[in-house]
């Protein structure tokens, strides 16, 4: 067996637990070219797999995996009761973590894992595999587009004469998948949960449960799970006012729509049946897609679809089902669940405000006395400094740094990797008057990817600041700035070119090429007023080895001046 290597992948995954389900993770991570190690207490694992997975390390104890510096990510396919302690140890060791469902068996433990992952900047992903199934992805799209009409009711059956566990009941073993899907399809948390079940094989270990959910929108749902069933059934039904959808994971055609109608004749409802319509789906193995998504998130540092916060929401519902199973119906607060999810995906200082309706990406930090207004969109891993105001209607990309005392007004579009210096001024009306309302006349200003705006600079609205352009401190920019241009003064005028790494480019050589003193990348004018990098496309990410500076600006300047003096002598 040969692995299918991912291009330039630096991820190396250790799968811990090579049993009933873990062996499937092993196969996929190996085929994707990122499998570094297997860990299982059974000696037979190395014996059975050493010839199949060549070049892969084998460990019998988890501590050895944690101490292996070549392992960057860990996939846990161990019993649910071990998830918390093992995931916690992996995060503390600086590893990214994929953990099979459920995230933990205790809500407080789940909250602890999510906080730890956010604090340490680690990827935490939960193995809710159905969220990566092409049928569920398509069903989610159909619901969002309104194809099914108003959703009235959902139910799922997950039944089998399957692997019977003693360390967890059927609810915790089977139901997480369907809970995850229902929360995603409805985009809301239930407000009331009831659950009934029976234990036939082992006392207090339920073999069959039926959970019922009431949602704020009025939708109701139930989940029936059993591992004491004569035939395998994995079916989800969504009943809408326009169409009904059936996802049957055991059928050849996984997703079918039924345009049944109900007509009222003499005030009596009568069902009018129609033929089912099979939905074309992308040919994709859900587990392969899930593993690929984990690798992509690890390498791009973006939050997974089934991140820790999503896993925590599922865990809260599971916990409510367990309580209802023992004590009767449980009431949940959807507002608490919603706010908890937001707090866990990004950081907001206690003195800052993020209005309901603002969109903020995972890993973003919003500091003292800042205000993000309704309708604003901020990407992932951005930093919003002190006393910053972001209006509704603004769009801010990923990895943007906004320093103190900056107001970003409606109509401003800030692309990825932009740096806005302290107290710089952005505008959206050229000729503002308090007596004249020009809210419908806001002009759009684009700050293109990677550009820098210096402290106290003013950007007149309706212009473009080009990619990797550099606006000097205190400048007043009244017209668009080309990519890589260095502008200063009032009004700002171009005085040179800057490299992507923020260094002023010197005089071109005989071939018209200028070099960045830090990276050696070559830059050349391709036409009048247009500069391009010859070694890296402007849209490509920086290679990881060049994304952290190792020499100061003055040190590089001094070295460059020395080289020039040697050349002249």
Protein backbone atom coordinates (compact mmCIF):
# COMPACT_ATOMS: atom_id res chain seq x y z
CA UNK A 1 0.00 0.00 0.00
CA UNK A 2 1.34 3.43 -0.96
CA UNK A 3 0.28 6.67 0.67
CA UNK A 4 -1.14 9.53 -1.39
CA UNK A 5 1.13 12.36 -0.25
CA UNK A 6 -0.43 15.79 0.17
CA UNK A 7 1.49 18.59 -1.53
CA UNK A 8 4.10 20.05 0.82
CA UNK A 9 2.21 18.73 3.87
CA UNK A 10 4.08 19.32 7.13
CA UNK A 11 1.38 17.71 9.24
CA UNK A 12 2.27 14.44 10.96
CA UNK A 13 -0.57 12.61 12.69
CA UNK A 14 -0.42 9.94 15.38
CA UNK A 15 -3.56 7.82 15.69
CA UNK A 16 -4.12 6.68 19.27
CA UNK A 17 -6.38 3.64 19.52
CA UNK A 18 -6.22 1.24 16.57
CA UNK A 19 -9.38 -0.71 17.20
CA UNK A 20 -12.92 -1.00 15.84
CA UNK A 21 -12.99 2.56 14.44
CA UNK A 22 -9.39 3.70 14.84
CA UNK A 23 -8.20 1.43 12.03
CA UNK A 24 -10.33 3.46 9.60
CA UNK A 25 -8.64 6.68 10.68
CA UNK A 26 -5.27 4.97 10.26
CA UNK A 27 -6.11 3.98 6.68
CA UNK A 28 -7.26 7.45 5.69
CA UNK A 29 -4.45 9.43 7.32
CA UNK A 30 -1.94 7.04 5.74
CA UNK A 31 -3.50 7.40 2.29
CA UNK A 32 -3.39 11.17 2.75
CA UNK A 33 0.33 11.01 3.44
CA UNK A 34 0.35 12.37 7.00
CA UNK A 35 0.38 9.26 9.22
CA UNK A 36 3.45 9.39 11.46
CA UNK A 37 2.69 6.97 14.29
CA UNK A 38 0.27 4.45 15.76
CA UNK A 39 -0.31 4.03 19.47
CA UNK A 40 -2.11 1.11 21.07
CA UNK A 41 -1.47 -0.96 24.17
CA UNK A 42 -1.94 -4.17 22.19
CA UNK A 43 1.36 -5.62 20.99
CA UNK A 44 -0.47 -7.21 18.05
CA UNK A 45 -1.00 -3.78 16.46
CA UNK A 46 2.65 -3.47 15.42
CA UNK A 47 2.71 -7.09 14.34
CA UNK A 48 -0.40 -6.72 12.19
CA UNK A 49 0.29 -3.31 10.67
CA UNK A 50 4.07 -2.89 10.36
CA UNK A 51 4.14 -4.44 6.88
CA UNK A 52 1.11 -2.49 5.68
CA UNK A 53 2.09 0.97 6.91
CA UNK A 54 5.79 1.21 6.18
CA UNK A 55 7.76 4.05 7.71
CA UNK A 56 5.22 4.55 10.52
CA UNK A 57 6.32 4.49 14.16
CA UNK A 58 4.62 2.25 16.72
CA UNK A 59 4.11 3.15 20.38
CA UNK A 60 2.43 1.25 23.21
CA UNK A 61 2.19 4.17 25.63
CA UNK A 62 0.58 7.58 25.09
CA UNK A 63 3.38 9.51 26.85
CA UNK A 64 5.84 8.47 24.14
CA UNK A 65 3.56 9.97 21.48
CA UNK A 66 3.27 13.23 23.42
CA UNK A 67 7.05 13.52 23.74
CA UNK A 68 7.72 12.82 20.05
CA UNK A 69 8.52 16.24 18.49
CA UNK A 70 7.88 14.92 14.98
CA UNK A 71 4.19 14.38 15.80
CA UNK A 72 2.26 17.62 15.29
CA UNK A 73 -1.30 16.32 15.61
CA UNK A 74 -3.05 13.51 17.47
CA UNK A 75 -6.22 11.64 16.52
CA UNK A 76 -7.94 9.96 19.47
CA UNK A 77 -10.07 6.88 18.76
CA UNK A 78 -10.18 5.65 22.35
CA UNK A 79 -13.16 4.98 24.66
CA UNK A 80 -15.24 8.09 25.41
CA UNK A 81 -14.32 8.06 29.11
CA UNK A 82 -10.66 8.65 28.19
CA UNK A 83 -11.25 11.57 25.79
CA UNK A 84 -10.93 14.40 28.30
CA UNK A 85 -7.67 13.38 29.97
CA UNK A 86 -5.98 12.36 26.71
CA UNK A 87 -7.12 15.40 24.73
CA UNK A 88 -6.06 17.66 27.62
CA UNK A 89 -2.60 16.08 27.73
CA UNK A 90 -2.23 16.42 23.96
CA UNK A 91 -3.21 20.12 24.01
CA UNK A 92 -0.81 20.76 26.89
CA UNK A 93 1.93 19.12 24.83
CA UNK A 94 1.27 21.61 22.02
CA UNK A 95 -0.41 19.14 19.66
CA UNK A 96 -3.47 19.75 17.50
CA UNK A 97 -6.22 17.27 18.39
CA UNK A 98 -8.87 15.30 16.53
CA UNK A 99 -11.09 13.45 19.01
CA UNK A 100 -13.79 10.99 18.10
CA UNK A 101 -17.28 11.71 19.42
CA UNK A 102 -18.25 12.63 22.03
CA UNK A 103 -15.86 15.45 22.94
CA UNK A 104 -16.02 14.33 26.59
CA UNK A 105 -18.48 12.69 28.96
CA UNK A 106 -18.86 15.75 31.21
CA UNK A 107 -19.90 19.25 30.08
CA UNK A 108 -17.37 20.97 32.36
CA UNK A 109 -14.61 18.82 30.90
CA UNK A 110 -15.72 19.81 27.40
CA UNK A 111 -15.67 23.49 28.36
CA UNK A 112 -12.17 23.03 29.79
CA UNK A 113 -10.90 21.48 26.53
CA UNK A 114 -12.36 24.28 24.41
CA UNK A 115 -10.85 26.97 26.64
CA UNK A 116 -7.48 25.26 26.60
CA UNK A 117 -7.45 24.91 22.80
CA UNK A 118 -8.29 28.61 22.40
CA UNK A 119 -5.68 29.70 24.95
CA UNK A 120 -2.93 27.62 23.39
CA UNK A 121 -3.94 28.39 19.79
CA UNK A 122 -4.44 24.69 18.98
CA UNK A 123 -6.90 23.08 16.58
CA UNK A 124 -9.54 21.01 18.38
CA UNK A 125 -11.88 19.00 16.14
CA UNK A 126 -14.59 16.46 17.02
CA UNK A 127 -15.34 13.45 14.82
CA UNK A 128 -18.96 14.13 13.89
CA UNK A 129 -18.56 12.33 10.58
CA UNK A 130 -22.08 12.93 9.21
CA UNK A 131 -21.34 16.66 8.96
CA UNK A 132 -18.97 15.73 6.11
CA UNK A 133 -21.37 13.37 4.34
CA UNK A 134 -22.29 14.69 0.86
CA UNK A 135 -25.98 13.91 1.50
CA UNK A 136 -26.04 15.97 4.70
CA UNK A 137 -24.13 18.82 3.06
CA UNK A 138 -26.65 18.83 0.21
CA UNK A 139 -29.60 18.63 2.61
CA UNK A 140 -28.21 21.57 4.56
CA UNK A 141 -27.98 23.56 1.31
CA UNK A 142 -31.55 22.67 0.30
CA UNK A 143 -32.91 23.80 3.65
CA UNK A 144 -30.97 27.08 3.50
CA UNK A 145 -32.26 27.73 -0.03
CA UNK A 146 -35.85 27.09 1.07
CA UNK A 147 -36.39 24.11 -1.24
CA UNK A 148 -38.19 22.16 1.51
CA UNK A 149 -40.18 25.19 2.66
CA UNK A 150 -40.84 25.72 6.36
CA UNK A 151 -39.33 22.88 8.41
CA UNK A 152 -41.92 21.31 10.68
CA UNK A 153 -40.42 18.10 12.00
CA UNK A 154 -37.27 15.93 11.93
CA UNK A 155 -36.62 12.42 13.12
CA UNK A 156 -33.78 9.94 12.86
CA UNK A 157 -33.42 6.22 13.46
CA UNK A 158 -29.97 4.80 14.13
CA UNK A 159 -30.52 1.10 14.74
CA UNK A 160 -28.39 -2.03 14.49
CA UNK A 161 -27.48 -5.33 16.05
CA UNK A 162 -24.01 -3.88 16.44
CA UNK A 163 -21.09 -3.37 18.79
CA UNK A 164 -22.51 -3.36 22.30
CA UNK A 165 -20.58 -1.29 24.84
CA UNK A 166 -20.49 -1.44 28.61
CA UNK A 167 -18.52 1.77 29.31
CA UNK A 168 -21.19 3.99 27.67
CA UNK A 169 -24.88 3.60 26.88
CA UNK A 170 -26.54 3.67 23.45
CA UNK A 171 -27.38 7.37 23.82
CA UNK A 172 -23.73 8.41 24.10
CA UNK A 173 -22.58 5.85 21.53
CA UNK A 174 -25.06 6.42 18.67
CA UNK A 175 -26.91 9.71 19.20
CA UNK A 176 -24.06 12.31 18.93
CA UNK A 177 -24.02 12.00 15.13
CA UNK A 178 -27.72 12.78 14.76
CA UNK A 179 -27.69 15.55 17.36
CA UNK A 180 -24.80 17.23 15.51
CA UNK A 181 -26.69 17.02 12.20
CA UNK A 182 -29.97 18.34 13.63
CA UNK A 183 -28.28 21.33 15.29
CA UNK A 184 -26.56 22.14 11.98
CA UNK A 185 -29.71 21.77 9.86
CA UNK A 186 -31.83 23.93 12.17
CA UNK A 187 -29.05 26.29 13.30
CA UNK A 188 -30.51 26.45 16.81
CA UNK A 189 -30.39 24.68 20.16
CA UNK A 190 -33.39 22.89 21.67
CA UNK A 191 -35.19 24.55 24.57
CA UNK A 192 -36.76 21.36 25.96
CA UNK A 193 -35.49 17.77 25.97
CA UNK A 194 -37.23 14.59 27.06
CA UNK A 195 -35.84 11.06 26.87
CA UNK A 196 -37.00 7.53 27.62
CA UNK A 197 -35.13 4.25 27.40
CA UNK A 198 -34.56 0.75 28.68
CA UNK A 199 -31.58 -1.36 29.81
CA UNK A 200 -31.92 -5.05 28.94
CA UNK A 201 -28.38 -6.46 28.90
CA UNK A 202 -26.58 -4.57 31.68
CA UNK A 203 -28.15 -2.75 34.58
CA UNK A 204 -28.10 1.06 34.11
CA UNK A 205 -26.54 0.79 30.62
CA UNK A 206 -29.38 1.72 28.28
CA UNK A 207 -29.67 -0.34 25.09
CA UNK A 208 -32.57 1.65 23.59
CA UNK A 209 -33.46 5.35 23.93
CA UNK A 210 -35.97 7.72 22.33
CA UNK A 211 -35.13 11.42 22.73
CA UNK A 212 -37.53 14.25 21.88
CA UNK A 213 -36.56 17.89 21.26
CA UNK A 214 -38.49 21.18 21.13
CA UNK A 215 -36.76 24.06 19.31
CA UNK A 216 -37.40 27.84 19.69
CA UNK A 217 -38.65 28.08 16.09
CA UNK A 218 -41.41 25.58 16.81
CA UNK A 219 -39.69 22.66 15.10
CA UNK A 220 -39.83 19.34 16.92
CA UNK A 221 -37.56 16.34 16.47
CA UNK A 222 -36.84 12.91 17.86
CA UNK A 223 -33.91 10.48 17.76
CA UNK A 224 -34.43 6.73 18.18
CA UNK A 225 -31.27 4.68 18.80
CA UNK A 226 -30.78 0.98 19.59
CA UNK A 227 -28.10 -1.67 19.32
CA UNK A 228 -30.71 -4.40 19.81
CA UNK A 229 -32.37 -4.25 16.40
CA UNK A 230 -32.66 -7.07 13.85
CA UNK A 231 -31.54 -5.00 10.83
CA UNK A 232 -29.30 -1.99 10.29
CA UNK A 233 -31.14 1.29 9.76
CA UNK A 234 -29.58 4.75 9.50
CA UNK A 235 -32.28 7.11 8.34
CA UNK A 236 -33.02 10.83 8.79
CA UNK A 237 -36.36 12.32 7.70
CA UNK A 238 -36.96 16.07 7.36
CA UNK A 239 -40.58 17.15 6.93
CA UNK A 240 -41.04 20.53 5.25
CA UNK A 241 -44.08 22.44 4.05
CA UNK A 242 -43.03 22.09 0.39
CA UNK A 243 -41.07 18.85 0.30
CA UNK A 244 -39.96 16.02 2.53
CA UNK A 245 -36.42 14.67 2.49
CA UNK A 246 -35.17 11.20 3.38
CA UNK A 247 -31.49 10.50 4.00
CA UNK A 248 -30.95 6.73 4.06
CA UNK A 249 -27.29 5.87 4.53
CA UNK A 250 -27.93 2.18 3.82
CA UNK A 251 -29.65 2.77 0.45
CA UNK A 252 -28.08 3.08 -2.99
CA UNK A 253 -29.59 6.54 -3.45
CA UNK A 254 -28.72 8.29 -0.21
CA UNK A 255 -30.94 11.38 -0.49
CA UNK A 256 -34.48 11.47 -1.88
CA UNK A 257 -36.98 14.33 -2.00
CA UNK A 258 -40.74 13.72 -1.89
CA UNK A 259 -42.96 16.60 -3.09
CA UNK A 260 -45.98 15.24 -1.18
CA UNK A 261 -48.77 17.70 -0.47
CA UNK A 262 -51.68 17.90 1.90
CA UNK A 263 -54.92 19.25 0.43
CA UNK A 264 -58.00 20.15 2.42
CA UNK A 265 -61.21 18.67 0.99
CA UNK A 266 -64.43 19.46 2.87
CA UNK A 267 -62.24 20.69 5.70
CA UNK A 268 -60.55 17.28 5.89
CA UNK A 269 -56.77 17.02 5.28
CA UNK A 270 -55.96 14.59 2.47
CA UNK A 271 -52.44 13.42 1.54
CA UNK A 272 -51.53 13.74 -2.14
CA UNK A 273 -48.50 11.54 -2.74
CA UNK A 274 -45.85 12.05 -5.42
CA UNK A 275 -42.91 10.04 -6.68
CA UNK A 276 -39.56 10.46 -4.97
CA UNK A 277 -36.79 12.47 -6.64
CA UNK A 278 -33.24 11.16 -6.15
CA UNK A 279 -30.70 13.92 -5.50
CA UNK A 280 -27.35 13.70 -7.27
CA UNK A 281 -24.48 13.74 -4.78
CA UNK A 282 -20.75 14.12 -5.01
CA UNK A 283 -18.92 10.78 -4.81
CA UNK A 284 -16.95 11.18 -1.59
CA UNK A 285 -16.15 9.02 1.42
CA UNK A 286 -17.28 11.04 4.47
CA UNK A 287 -14.38 9.84 6.64
CA UNK A 288 -11.86 10.79 3.95
CA UNK A 289 -13.44 14.25 3.70
CA UNK A 290 -13.37 14.57 7.49
CA UNK A 291 -9.68 13.65 7.69
CA UNK A 292 -8.81 16.00 4.82
CA UNK A 293 -10.67 18.81 6.58
CA UNK A 294 -8.69 18.23 9.77
CA UNK A 295 -5.39 18.38 7.87
CA UNK A 296 -6.51 21.54 6.06
CA UNK A 297 -7.45 23.22 9.35
CA UNK A 298 -4.14 22.25 10.95
CA UNK A 299 -2.12 23.64 8.05
CA UNK A 300 -4.17 26.80 7.42
CA UNK A 301 -4.96 27.38 11.15
CA UNK A 302 -8.69 27.85 10.52
CA UNK A 303 -11.41 26.58 12.82
CA UNK A 304 -12.99 23.23 11.80
CA UNK A 305 -16.66 22.84 10.95
CA UNK A 306 -16.96 20.47 13.91
CA UNK A 307 -14.67 22.43 16.20
CA UNK A 308 -14.57 22.22 19.97
CA UNK A 309 -17.42 24.72 20.35
CA UNK A 310 -19.66 22.61 18.08
CA UNK A 311 -18.69 19.48 19.98
CA UNK A 312 -19.54 21.26 23.23
CA UNK A 313 -23.04 22.13 21.96
CA UNK A 314 -23.63 18.46 21.13
CA UNK A 315 -22.26 17.50 24.55
CA UNK A 316 -24.72 19.86 26.27
CA UNK A 317 -27.65 18.27 24.45
CA UNK A 318 -26.38 14.77 25.26
CA UNK A 319 -26.06 15.74 28.91
CA UNK A 320 -29.62 17.08 28.89
CA UNK A 321 -30.85 13.80 27.33
CA UNK A 322 -29.08 11.81 30.05
CA UNK A 323 -30.64 13.97 32.78
CA UNK A 324 -34.06 13.63 31.14
CA UNK A 325 -33.57 9.86 30.96
CA UNK A 326 -33.09 9.74 34.72
CA UNK A 327 -35.23 12.60 36.04
CA UNK A 328 -37.76 13.63 33.37
CA UNK A 329 -37.91 16.55 30.86
CA UNK A 330 -35.15 19.19 30.96
CA UNK A 331 -35.41 22.87 29.97
CA UNK A 332 -32.46 24.44 28.10
CA UNK A 333 -31.65 28.08 27.40
CA UNK A 334 -30.93 28.71 23.69
CA UNK A 335 -29.59 32.20 24.45
CA UNK A 336 -27.05 30.74 26.87
CA UNK A 337 -25.99 28.15 24.32
CA UNK A 338 -25.62 30.80 21.61
CA UNK A 339 -23.57 33.19 23.72
CA UNK A 340 -21.39 30.37 25.05
CA UNK A 341 -20.58 29.30 21.52
CA UNK A 342 -19.53 32.82 20.56
CA UNK A 343 -17.38 33.31 23.65
CA UNK A 344 -15.55 30.10 22.95
CA UNK A 345 -14.74 30.88 19.32
CA UNK A 346 -13.06 34.28 19.82
CA UNK A 347 -11.89 36.56 22.65
CA UNK A 348 -13.65 39.76 23.74
CA UNK A 349 -12.29 41.82 26.62
CA UNK A 350 -14.87 42.47 29.35
CA UNK A 351 -14.83 46.22 28.55
CA UNK A 352 -15.49 45.69 24.81
CA UNK A 353 -18.86 45.23 23.08
CA UNK A 354 -19.80 42.98 20.18
CA UNK A 355 -23.38 43.61 19.08
CA UNK A 356 -25.77 40.76 18.31
CA UNK A 357 -25.66 40.27 14.54
CA UNK A 358 -21.94 40.94 14.16
CA UNK A 359 -19.90 38.09 12.67
CA UNK A 360 -16.48 37.41 14.23
CA UNK A 361 -14.15 34.60 13.15
CA UNK A 362 -12.46 32.06 15.37
CA UNK A 363 -9.24 33.12 17.09
CA UNK A 364 -9.89 36.86 16.73
CA UNK A 365 -9.14 39.06 19.77
CA UNK A 366 -11.07 42.26 20.56
CA UNK A 367 -9.42 44.39 23.22
CA UNK A 368 -10.31 47.14 25.73
CA UNK A 369 -13.19 49.58 25.05
CA UNK A 370 -13.69 48.51 21.43
CA UNK A 371 -17.11 48.24 19.78
CA UNK A 372 -18.09 45.93 16.90
CA UNK A 373 -21.50 46.94 15.59
CA UNK A 374 -24.32 44.82 14.18
CA UNK A 375 -23.68 43.85 10.56
CA UNK A 376 -19.88 44.02 10.78
CA UNK A 377 -17.90 41.02 9.55
CA UNK A 378 -14.45 40.19 10.96
CA UNK A 379 -12.43 37.19 9.81
CA UNK A 380 -10.33 34.76 11.78
CA UNK A 381 -7.17 35.40 13.82
CA UNK A 382 -7.48 39.19 13.61
CA UNK A 383 -6.52 41.58 16.41
CA UNK A 384 -8.68 44.60 17.21
CA UNK A 385 -6.74 46.96 19.49
CA UNK A 386 -7.99 49.30 22.19
CA UNK A 387 -10.71 51.89 21.54
CA UNK A 388 -11.50 50.68 18.03
CA UNK A 389 -14.95 51.15 16.48
CA UNK A 390 -16.09 48.93 13.61
CA UNK A 391 -19.31 49.98 11.90
CA UNK A 392 -21.96 47.69 10.52
CA UNK A 393 -21.45 46.96 6.83
CA UNK A 394 -17.67 46.79 7.09
CA UNK A 395 -15.85 43.66 5.96
CA UNK A 396 -12.54 42.77 7.61
CA UNK A 397 -10.52 39.74 6.51
CA UNK A 398 -8.34 37.20 8.26
CA UNK A 399 -5.17 38.04 10.20
CA UNK A 400 -5.85 41.79 10.16
CA UNK A 401 -4.11 43.95 12.79
CA UNK A 402 -5.96 47.15 13.78
CA UNK A 403 -4.07 49.22 16.30
CA UNK A 404 -5.50 51.55 18.97
CA UNK A 405 -7.92 54.42 18.29
CA UNK A 406 -9.05 53.52 14.78
CA UNK A 407 -12.61 53.79 13.42
CA UNK A 408 -13.51 51.58 10.47
CA UNK A 409 -16.59 53.07 8.83
CA UNK A 410 -19.36 51.52 6.72
CA UNK A 411 -18.17 51.03 3.15
CA UNK A 412 -14.64 49.99 4.07
CA UNK A 413 -13.42 46.60 2.87
CA UNK A 414 -10.25 45.39 4.55
CA UNK A 415 -8.73 42.27 2.96
CA UNK A 416 -6.55 39.63 4.65
CA UNK A 417 -3.24 40.48 6.37
CA UNK A 418 -3.76 44.28 6.45
CA UNK A 419 -2.04 46.39 9.15
CA UNK A 420 -3.73 49.62 10.32
CA UNK A 421 -1.47 51.75 12.51
CA UNK A 422 -2.56 53.68 15.63
CA UNK A 423 -5.01 56.55 15.10
CA UNK A 424 -5.09 56.26 11.32
CA UNK A 425 -8.24 57.78 9.80
CA UNK A 426 -10.60 56.07 7.37
CA UNK A 427 -13.50 57.98 5.80
CA UNK A 428 -16.63 57.13 3.81
CA UNK A 429 -17.91 60.53 2.61
CA UNK A 430 -15.72 62.99 0.71
CA UNK A 431 -17.68 66.10 1.70
CA UNK A 432 -19.34 65.41 5.07
CA UNK A 433 -21.81 67.87 6.58
CA UNK A 434 -23.72 67.36 9.79
CA UNK A 435 -26.75 69.09 8.24
CA UNK A 436 -26.79 66.83 5.16
CA UNK A 437 -27.62 63.13 5.51
CA UNK A 438 -25.47 61.18 3.04
CA UNK A 439 -25.93 57.69 4.53
CA UNK A 440 -27.02 56.35 1.14
CA UNK A 441 -23.97 57.87 -0.56
CA UNK A 442 -21.17 56.12 1.32
CA UNK A 443 -18.13 55.51 -0.90
CA UNK A 444 -16.29 52.20 -0.87
CA UNK A 445 -12.64 52.12 0.11
CA UNK A 446 -10.56 48.99 -0.49
CA UNK A 447 -7.52 48.15 1.59
CA UNK A 448 -6.03 45.29 -0.41
CA UNK A 449 -4.30 42.24 0.96
CA UNK A 450 -1.17 42.80 3.03
CA UNK A 451 -1.03 46.60 2.82
CA UNK A 452 0.20 48.75 5.73
CA UNK A 453 -1.23 52.12 6.79
CA UNK A 454 1.04 54.03 9.14
CA UNK A 455 0.10 55.82 12.36
CA UNK A 456 -2.03 58.98 11.99
CA UNK A 457 -2.33 58.56 8.23
CA UNK A 458 -5.59 59.66 6.58
CA UNK A 459 -7.19 57.67 3.75
CA UNK A 460 -9.68 59.64 1.67
CA UNK A 461 -12.64 57.43 0.77
CA UNK A 462 -13.41 55.87 -2.61
CA UNK A 463 -9.85 54.78 -3.43
CA UNK A 464 -7.81 51.56 -3.42
CA UNK A 465 -4.70 50.93 -1.35
CA UNK A 466 -2.93 48.22 -3.37
CA UNK A 467 -1.64 44.87 -2.22
CA UNK A 468 1.41 45.17 0.05
CA UNK A 469 1.48 48.94 -0.44
CA UNK A 470 2.99 50.98 2.41
CA UNK A 471 1.49 54.31 3.53
CA UNK A 472 3.93 56.30 5.64
CA UNK A 473 2.92 57.68 9.05
CA UNK A 474 0.98 60.94 8.89
CA UNK A 475 0.39 60.77 5.14
CA UNK A 476 -2.85 62.00 3.56
CA UNK A 477 -3.78 59.65 0.72
CA UNK A 478 -6.07 61.27 -1.84
CA UNK A 479 -5.75 58.84 -4.76
CA UNK A 480 -5.35 55.11 -5.28
CA UNK A 481 -1.99 53.53 -4.45
CA UNK A 482 -0.45 50.78 -6.66
CA UNK A 483 0.57 47.36 -5.34
CA UNK A 484 3.91 47.46 -3.45
CA UNK A 485 4.12 51.29 -3.67
CA UNK A 486 5.64 53.37 -0.85
CA UNK A 487 3.81 56.70 -0.44
CA UNK A 488 4.45 59.56 2.01
CA UNK A 489 3.49 63.18 2.53
CA UNK A 490 0.46 65.47 2.24
CA UNK A 491 -0.88 64.81 -0.29
CA UNK A 492 0.79 61.43 -0.42
CA UNK A 493 3.08 60.75 -3.36
CA UNK A 494 5.08 57.69 -4.32
CA UNK A 495 8.75 57.69 -3.33
CA UNK A 496 9.66 54.08 -4.03
CA UNK A 497 8.65 50.44 -3.82
CA UNK A 498 8.32 48.09 -0.86
CA UNK A 499 8.78 44.33 -0.75
CA UNK A 500 6.14 42.01 0.63
CA UNK A 501 8.23 41.78 3.80
CA UNK A 502 8.08 45.55 4.32
CA UNK A 503 11.52 46.60 3.07
CA UNK A 504 12.22 49.46 0.72
CA UNK A 505 13.58 48.09 -2.52
CA UNK A 506 16.83 49.53 -3.81
CA UNK A 507 17.81 50.50 -7.32
CA UNK A 508 17.14 47.92 -10.04
CA UNK A 509 20.03 45.98 -11.56
CA UNK A 510 20.89 45.88 -15.25
CA UNK A 511 17.90 43.63 -15.90
CA UNK A 512 15.53 45.90 -14.00
CA UNK A 513 15.29 43.55 -11.00
CA UNK A 514 15.16 44.67 -7.35
CA UNK A 515 15.67 42.30 -4.42
CA UNK A 516 14.17 42.19 -0.95
CA UNK A 517 17.07 42.28 1.55
CA UNK A 518 15.32 39.87 3.92
CA UNK A 519 14.02 37.15 1.58
CA UNK A 520 16.01 37.64 -1.61
CA UNK A 521 12.74 37.65 -3.58
CA UNK A 522 13.01 39.48 -6.89
CA UNK A 523 10.71 42.31 -7.96
CA UNK A 524 10.41 43.85 -11.42
CA UNK A 525 8.23 46.40 -13.15
CA UNK A 526 6.05 44.70 -15.75
CA UNK A 527 4.66 47.95 -17.12
CA UNK A 528 4.61 51.60 -16.14
CA UNK A 529 3.60 51.91 -12.48
CA UNK A 530 3.09 48.17 -12.01
CA UNK A 531 5.48 46.03 -9.93
CA UNK A 532 5.31 42.29 -9.48
CA UNK A 533 7.19 39.71 -7.43
CA UNK A 534 8.95 37.21 -9.72
CA UNK A 535 9.25 34.49 -7.06
CA UNK A 536 5.86 34.40 -5.30
CA UNK A 537 2.38 35.23 -6.53
CA UNK A 538 0.71 38.06 -4.61
CA UNK A 539 -2.19 35.78 -3.64
CA UNK A 540 -0.02 32.91 -2.37
CA UNK A 541 0.59 32.54 1.37
CA UNK A 542 4.08 33.11 2.68
CA UNK A 543 6.16 29.96 3.14
CA UNK A 544 6.17 29.08 6.83
CA UNK A 545 9.92 29.65 7.16
CA UNK A 546 9.45 33.26 5.99
CA UNK A 547 6.41 34.10 8.10
CA UNK A 548 8.48 34.88 11.22
CA UNK A 549 11.07 37.66 11.11
CA UNK A 550 14.54 36.83 12.42
CA UNK A 551 16.40 40.08 11.73
CA UNK A 552 15.36 43.63 12.61
CA UNK A 553 14.88 46.33 9.99
CA UNK A 554 17.97 48.22 11.18
CA UNK A 555 20.11 45.08 11.16
CA UNK A 556 19.13 44.29 7.57
CA UNK A 557 19.65 47.93 6.55
CA UNK A 558 23.13 47.92 8.08
CA UNK A 559 24.04 44.66 6.31
CA UNK A 560 22.77 46.04 3.01
CA UNK A 561 24.79 49.25 3.39
CA UNK A 562 27.91 47.18 4.15
CA UNK A 563 27.40 45.06 1.02
CA UNK A 564 27.01 48.21 -1.07
CA UNK A 565 30.24 49.73 0.31
CA UNK A 566 32.15 46.51 -0.38
CA UNK A 567 30.81 46.44 -3.93
CA UNK A 568 31.87 50.07 -4.55
CA UNK A 569 35.36 49.46 -3.19
